[in-house]
Amino acid sequence: MILKQSVPEVFRGSISESHNAKGFLDVVEQYFTSNEKAHTSSLLAKLNSMRYKGKGNIRKYIMKMSNLASKLKALKLELSDDLLVHLVLISLPTHFGQFKVTYNTQKDKWTLNELISHYVQEEERQQREKTESAHLTSSSQNRKKKNNKDATERISQQKKVKKDENTSTYFFCNKLGHMNKECPKYAS
């Protein structure tokens, strides 16, 4: 049979003899069937353990979760849209907490597409706030540098005053840098 010649030699010995092509292909299929339960279990574990880290596009992340749900649907384990929406909500980090509360307080339920559009808007808003806070941070650092510069100028001025005190002449004896108590002419 021509089909036997195309199968690698390693597998030929383990496949029982068959007189027709259909029987031969059925035997080969039995050797290569995957365990649907194990595959379903691994997909569910992956879906349950997914967490959005805040890096990358949130739309892609939600689409990955949706893709896993469609693979489970092909394995005859269908997840409802409501369940998938809740899984997405659970997997998001705490900085989306206010958004989760907003969803939970509303009476109507969102579809997956509505959830994606709302989260994309929320992510864009957070990005804008992040750039504004970065601008404020850099502005305050510049202000700090300016304050440090003013402080160093004040310190240098104080040093000049002290230096001037040391170089100034005493009016009673016209000598440099001493007080009344230390002046020999004043004491006498």
C-alpha atoms as a PDB file:
ATOM      1  CA  MET A   1       0.000   0.000   0.000  1.00  0.00           C
ATOM      2  CA  ILE A   2       1.343   3.452  -0.971  1.00  0.00           C
ATOM      3  CA  LEU A   3       0.132   5.114   2.250  1.00  0.00           C
ATOM      4  CA  LYS A   4       2.361   2.851   4.337  1.00  0.00           C
ATOM      5  CA  GLN A   5       5.421   4.027   2.406  1.00  0.00           C
ATOM      6  CA  SER A   6       4.735   7.701   3.328  1.00  0.00           C
ATOM      7  CA  VAL A   7       4.505   6.963   7.073  1.00  0.00           C
ATOM      8  CA  PRO A   8       7.860   7.137   8.930  1.00  0.00           C
ATOM      9  CA  GLU A   9       9.398   3.767   9.730  1.00  0.00           C
ATOM     10  CA  VAL A  10       9.160   4.352  13.487  1.00  0.00           C
ATOM     11  CA  PHE A  11       5.356   4.349  13.294  1.00  0.00           C
ATOM     12  CA  ARG A  12       4.981   1.584  10.694  1.00  0.00           C
ATOM     13  CA  GLY A  13       5.801  -1.211  13.101  1.00  0.00           C
ATOM     14  CA  SER A  14       3.263  -0.134  15.702  1.00  0.00           C
ATOM     15  CA  ILE A  15       0.382   0.199  13.229  1.00  0.00           C
ATOM     16  CA  SER A  16      -1.547  -3.004  12.674  1.00  0.00           C
ATOM     17  CA  GLU A  17      -1.960  -4.436   9.200  1.00  0.00           C
ATOM     18  CA  SER A  18      -4.930  -3.159   7.268  1.00  0.00           C
ATOM     19  CA  HIS A  19      -6.089  -4.128   3.800  1.00  0.00           C
ATOM     20  CA  ASN A  20      -7.710  -0.842   2.766  1.00  0.00           C
ATOM     21  CA  ALA A  21      -6.721   2.836   3.037  1.00  0.00           C
ATOM     22  CA  LYS A  22      -9.704   3.898   5.198  1.00  0.00           C
ATOM     23  CA  GLY A  23      -8.924   1.282   7.843  1.00  0.00           C
ATOM     24  CA  PHE A  24      -5.237   2.264   7.812  1.00  0.00           C
ATOM     25  CA  LEU A  25      -6.057   5.981   8.282  1.00  0.00           C
ATOM     26  CA  ASP A  26      -8.479   5.164  11.121  1.00  0.00           C
ATOM     27  CA  VAL A  27      -5.730   3.271  12.961  1.00  0.00           C
ATOM     28  CA  VAL A  28      -3.270   6.169  12.444  1.00  0.00           C
ATOM     29  CA  GLU A  29      -5.884   8.647  13.703  1.00  0.00           C
ATOM     30  CA  GLN A  30      -6.346   6.643  16.901  1.00  0.00           C
ATOM     31  CA  TYR A  31      -2.633   6.954  17.634  1.00  0.00           C
ATOM     32  CA  PHE A  32      -2.629  10.725  17.210  1.00  0.00           C
ATOM     33  CA  THR A  33      -5.872  11.765  18.867  1.00  0.00           C
ATOM     34  CA  SER A  34      -5.306  14.223  21.639  1.00  0.00           C
ATOM     35  CA  ASN A  35      -6.984  13.994  24.954  1.00  0.00           C
ATOM     36  CA  GLU A  36      -9.738  16.616  24.853  1.00  0.00           C
ATOM     37  CA  LYS A  37     -10.099  16.649  28.621  1.00  0.00           C
ATOM     38  CA  ALA A  38      -6.443  17.508  29.147  1.00  0.00           C
ATOM     39  CA  HIS A  39      -6.550  20.193  26.458  1.00  0.00           C
ATOM     40  CA  THR A  40      -9.737  21.671  27.946  1.00  0.00           C
ATOM     41  CA  SER A  41      -8.176  21.655  31.384  1.00  0.00           C
ATOM     42  CA  SER A  42      -5.024  23.421  30.207  1.00  0.00           C
ATOM     43  CA  LEU A  43      -7.034  26.070  28.329  1.00  0.00           C
ATOM     44  CA  LEU A  44      -9.219  26.720  31.382  1.00  0.00           C
ATOM     45  CA  ALA A  45      -6.151  26.995  33.610  1.00  0.00           C
ATOM     46  CA  LYS A  46      -4.557  29.437  31.198  1.00  0.00           C
ATOM     47  CA  LEU A  47      -7.744  31.511  31.000  1.00  0.00           C
ATOM     48  CA  ASN A  48      -8.095  31.550  34.772  1.00  0.00           C
ATOM     49  CA  SER A  49      -4.459  32.468  35.436  1.00  0.00           C
ATOM     50  CA  MET A  50      -4.187  35.283  32.892  1.00  0.00           C
ATOM     51  CA  ARG A  51      -3.417  38.678  34.454  1.00  0.00           C
ATOM     52  CA  TYR A  52      -3.040  42.020  32.735  1.00  0.00           C
ATOM     53  CA  LYS A  53       0.269  43.529  33.820  1.00  0.00           C
ATOM     54  CA  GLY A  54      -0.450  47.031  32.558  1.00  0.00           C
ATOM     55  CA  LYS A  55       2.006  46.737  29.696  1.00  0.00           C
ATOM     56  CA  GLY A  56       0.874  46.505  26.138  1.00  0.00           C
ATOM     57  CA  ASN A  57      -2.497  47.070  24.610  1.00  0.00           C
ATOM     58  CA  ILE A  58      -5.525  46.133  26.711  1.00  0.00           C
ATOM     59  CA  ARG A  59      -7.509  45.349  23.558  1.00  0.00           C
ATOM     60  CA  LYS A  60      -4.996  42.635  22.605  1.00  0.00           C
ATOM     61  CA  TYR A  61      -5.171  41.209  26.110  1.00  0.00           C
ATOM     62  CA  ILE A  62      -8.977  40.952  26.062  1.00  0.00           C
ATOM     63  CA  MET A  63      -8.853  39.478  22.552  1.00  0.00           C
ATOM     64  CA  LYS A  64      -6.430  36.784  23.801  1.00  0.00           C
ATOM     65  CA  MET A  65      -8.942  35.873  26.494  1.00  0.00           C
ATOM     66  CA  SER A  66     -11.718  35.810  23.900  1.00  0.00           C
ATOM     67  CA  ASN A  67      -9.591  33.570  21.673  1.00  0.00           C
ATOM     68  CA  LEU A  68      -9.120  31.088  24.528  1.00  0.00           C
ATOM     69  CA  ALA A  69     -12.882  31.123  25.116  1.00  0.00           C
ATOM     70  CA  SER A  70     -13.516  30.343  21.437  1.00  0.00           C
ATOM     71  CA  LYS A  71     -11.042  27.437  21.611  1.00  0.00           C
ATOM     72  CA  LEU A  72     -12.968  26.117  24.597  1.00  0.00           C
ATOM     73  CA  LYS A  73     -16.192  26.509  22.618  1.00  0.00           C
ATOM     74  CA  ALA A  74     -14.698  24.328  19.876  1.00  0.00           C
ATOM     75  CA  LEU A  75     -14.048  21.703  22.562  1.00  0.00           C
ATOM     76  CA  LYS A  76     -17.747  21.814  23.492  1.00  0.00           C
ATOM     77  CA  LEU A  77     -17.266  23.923  26.611  1.00  0.00           C
ATOM     78  CA  GLU A  78     -19.000  27.192  25.947  1.00  0.00           C
ATOM     79  CA  LEU A  79     -18.431  30.188  28.210  1.00  0.00           C
ATOM     80  CA  SER A  80     -21.152  32.810  28.193  1.00  0.00           C
ATOM     81  CA  ASP A  81     -20.279  36.410  27.366  1.00  0.00           C
ATOM     82  CA  ASP A  82     -21.226  37.462  30.891  1.00  0.00           C
ATOM     83  CA  LEU A  83     -18.778  34.978  32.388  1.00  0.00           C
ATOM     84  CA  LEU A  84     -16.031  36.099  30.028  1.00  0.00           C
ATOM     85  CA  VAL A  85     -16.665  39.759  30.907  1.00  0.00           C
ATOM     86  CA  HIS A  86     -16.365  38.912  34.610  1.00  0.00           C
ATOM     87  CA  LEU A  87     -13.164  36.936  34.005  1.00  0.00           C
ATOM     88  CA  VAL A  88     -11.694  39.966  32.244  1.00  0.00           C
ATOM     89  CA  LEU A  89     -12.742  42.241  35.111  1.00  0.00           C
ATOM     90  CA  ILE A  90     -11.179  39.928  37.681  1.00  0.00           C
ATOM     91  CA  SER A  91      -7.894  39.684  35.800  1.00  0.00           C
ATOM     92  CA  LEU A  92      -7.266  43.429  35.606  1.00  0.00           C
ATOM     93  CA  PRO A  93      -4.949  45.228  38.063  1.00  0.00           C
ATOM     94  CA  THR A  94      -6.072  47.458  40.909  1.00  0.00           C
ATOM     95  CA  HIS A  95      -5.657  50.751  39.055  1.00  0.00           C
ATOM     96  CA  PHE A  96      -8.800  49.766  37.113  1.00  0.00           C
ATOM     97  CA  GLY A  97     -10.678  49.371  40.416  1.00  0.00           C
ATOM     98  CA  GLN A  98     -12.858  52.432  39.940  1.00  0.00           C
ATOM     99  CA  PHE A  99     -13.847  51.149  36.519  1.00  0.00           C
ATOM    100  CA  LYS A 100     -14.827  47.770  38.001  1.00  0.00           C
ATOM    101  CA  VAL A 101     -17.025  49.489  40.575  1.00  0.00           C
ATOM    102  CA  THR A 102     -18.705  51.496  37.817  1.00  0.00           C
ATOM    103  CA  TYR A 103     -19.502  48.315  35.906  1.00  0.00           C
ATOM    104  CA  ASN A 104     -20.881  46.571  38.990  1.00  0.00           C
ATOM    105  CA  THR A 105     -23.176  49.466  39.913  1.00  0.00           C
ATOM    106  CA  GLN A 106     -24.811  49.627  36.490  1.00  0.00           C
ATOM    107  CA  LYS A 107     -27.956  47.616  35.890  1.00  0.00           C
ATOM    108  CA  ASP A 108     -27.273  46.631  32.291  1.00  0.00           C
ATOM    109  CA  LYS A 109     -24.600  44.123  31.311  1.00  0.00           C
ATOM    110  CA  TRP A 110     -21.937  44.822  28.716  1.00  0.00           C
ATOM    111  CA  THR A 111     -20.994  42.640  25.807  1.00  0.00           C
ATOM    112  CA  LEU A 112     -17.361  41.845  25.214  1.00  0.00           C
ATOM    113  CA  ASN A 113     -17.115  44.493  22.478  1.00  0.00           C
ATOM    114  CA  GLU A 114     -18.571  47.167  24.765  1.00  0.00           C
ATOM    115  CA  LEU A 115     -16.132  46.157  27.479  1.00  0.00           C
ATOM    116  CA  ILE A 116     -13.219  46.467  25.065  1.00  0.00           C
ATOM    117  CA  SER A 117     -14.264  49.935  23.910  1.00  0.00           C
ATOM    118  CA  HIS A 118     -14.782  51.187  27.478  1.00  0.00           C
ATOM    119  CA  TYR A 119     -11.452  49.809  28.653  1.00  0.00           C
ATOM    120  CA  VAL A 120      -9.578  51.282  25.699  1.00  0.00           C
ATOM    121  CA  GLN A 121     -11.030  54.696  26.578  1.00  0.00           C
ATOM    122  CA  GLU A 122     -10.076  54.194  30.228  1.00  0.00           C
ATOM    123  CA  GLU A 123      -6.548  53.157  29.278  1.00  0.00           C
ATOM    124  CA  GLU A 124      -6.141  56.261  27.101  1.00  0.00           C
ATOM    125  CA  ARG A 125      -7.382  58.452  29.967  1.00  0.00           C
ATOM    126  CA  GLN A 126      -4.874  56.872  32.338  1.00  0.00           C
ATOM    127  CA  GLN A 127      -2.070  57.422  29.824  1.00  0.00           C
ATOM    128  CA  ARG A 128      -2.984  61.121  29.584  1.00  0.00           C
ATOM    129  CA  GLU A 129      -2.973  61.432  33.376  1.00  0.00           C
ATOM    130  CA  LYS A 130       0.372  59.674  33.545  1.00  0.00           C
ATOM    131  CA  THR A 131       1.945  62.172  31.131  1.00  0.00           C
ATOM    132  CA  GLU A 132       0.454  65.087  33.075  1.00  0.00           C
ATOM    133  CA  SER A 133       1.840  63.754  36.343  1.00  0.00           C
ATOM    134  CA  ALA A 134       5.220  63.201  34.677  1.00  0.00           C
ATOM    135  CA  HIS A 135       5.167  66.844  33.589  1.00  0.00           C
ATOM    136  CA  LEU A 136       4.324  67.970  37.113  1.00  0.00           C
ATOM    137  CA  THR A 137       7.117  65.842  38.525  1.00  0.00           C
ATOM    138  CA  SER A 138       9.694  67.310  36.162  1.00  0.00           C
ATOM    139  CA  SER A 139       8.456  70.831  36.930  1.00  0.00           C
ATOM    140  CA  SER A 140       8.801  70.308  40.663  1.00  0.00           C
ATOM    141  CA  GLN A 141      12.320  68.959  40.188  1.00  0.00           C
ATOM    142  CA  ASN A 142      13.253  72.127  38.296  1.00  0.00           C
ATOM    143  CA  ARG A 143      11.778  74.191  41.132  1.00  0.00           C
ATOM    144  CA  LYS A 144      13.856  72.183  43.610  1.00  0.00           C
ATOM    145  CA  LYS A 145      17.022  72.906  41.642  1.00  0.00           C
ATOM    146  CA  LYS A 146      16.142  76.595  41.587  1.00  0.00           C
ATOM    147  CA  ASN A 147      15.560  76.569  45.363  1.00  0.00           C
ATOM    148  CA  ASN A 148      18.905  74.833  45.874  1.00  0.00           C
ATOM    149  CA  LYS A 149      20.582  77.476  43.723  1.00  0.00           C
ATOM    150  CA  ASP A 150      19.000  80.261  45.803  1.00  0.00           C
ATOM    151  CA  ALA A 151      20.115  78.564  49.010  1.00  0.00           C
ATOM    152  CA  THR A 152      23.718  78.277  47.821  1.00  0.00           C
ATOM    153  CA  GLU A 153      23.685  81.958  46.865  1.00  0.00           C
ATOM    154  CA  ARG A 154      22.456  82.885  50.361  1.00  0.00           C
ATOM    155  CA  ILE A 155      25.144  80.753  51.975  1.00  0.00           C
ATOM    156  CA  SER A 156      27.851  82.344  49.852  1.00  0.00           C
ATOM    157  CA  GLN A 157      26.545  85.817  50.787  1.00  0.00           C
ATOM    158  CA  GLN A 158      26.674  84.881  54.481  1.00  0.00           C
ATOM    159  CA  LYS A 159      30.261  83.719  54.061  1.00  0.00           C
ATOM    160  CA  LYS A 160      31.128  87.035  52.441  1.00  0.00           C
ATOM    161  CA  VAL A 161      29.646  88.891  55.416  1.00  0.00           C
ATOM    162  CA  LYS A 162      31.738  86.806  57.825  1.00  0.00           C
ATOM    163  CA  LYS A 163      34.789  87.376  55.675  1.00  0.00           C
ATOM    164  CA  ASP A 164      34.070  91.096  55.697  1.00  0.00           C
ATOM    165  CA  GLU A 165      33.873  90.989  59.499  1.00  0.00           C
ATOM    166  CA  ASN A 166      37.324  89.404  59.628  1.00  0.00           C
ATOM    167  CA  THR A 167      38.801  91.958  57.247  1.00  0.00           C
ATOM    168  CA  SER A 168      37.094  95.025  58.720  1.00  0.00           C
ATOM    169  CA  THR A 169      39.074  97.425  60.859  1.00  0.00           C
ATOM    170  CA  TYR A 170      38.121  98.296  64.394  1.00  0.00           C
ATOM    171  CA  PHE A 171      37.269 101.979  64.695  1.00  0.00           C
ATOM    172  CA  PHE A 172      39.096 102.571  67.997  1.00  0.00           C
ATOM    173  CA  CYS A 173      42.566 101.319  67.042  1.00  0.00           C
ATOM    174  CA  ASN A 174      42.249 100.865  63.265  1.00  0.00           C
ATOM    175  CA  LYS A 175      43.482  97.240  63.430  1.00  0.00           C
ATOM    176  CA  LEU A 176      41.860  94.284  61.645  1.00  0.00           C
ATOM    177  CA  GLY A 177      39.324  91.827  63.040  1.00  0.00           C
ATOM    178  CA  HIS A 178      39.056  92.070  66.814  1.00  0.00           C
ATOM    179  CA  MET A 179      36.426  93.148  69.338  1.00  0.00           C
ATOM    180  CA  ASN A 180      36.375  95.775  72.104  1.00  0.00           C
ATOM    181  CA  LYS A 181      37.443  93.254  74.722  1.00  0.00           C
ATOM    182  CA  GLU A 182      40.454  92.219  72.713  1.00  0.00           C
ATOM    183  CA  CYS A 183      41.662  95.687  71.782  1.00  0.00           C
ATOM    184  CA  PRO A 184      44.824  96.630  73.717  1.00  0.00           C
ATOM    185  CA  LYS A 185      44.290 100.376  73.252  1.00  0.00           C
ATOM    186  CA  TYR A 186      40.683 100.210  74.468  1.00  0.00           C
ATOM    187  CA  ALA A 187      41.607  98.190  77.528  1.00  0.00           C
ATOM    188  CA  SER A 188      44.261 100.691  78.575  1.00  0.00           C
END
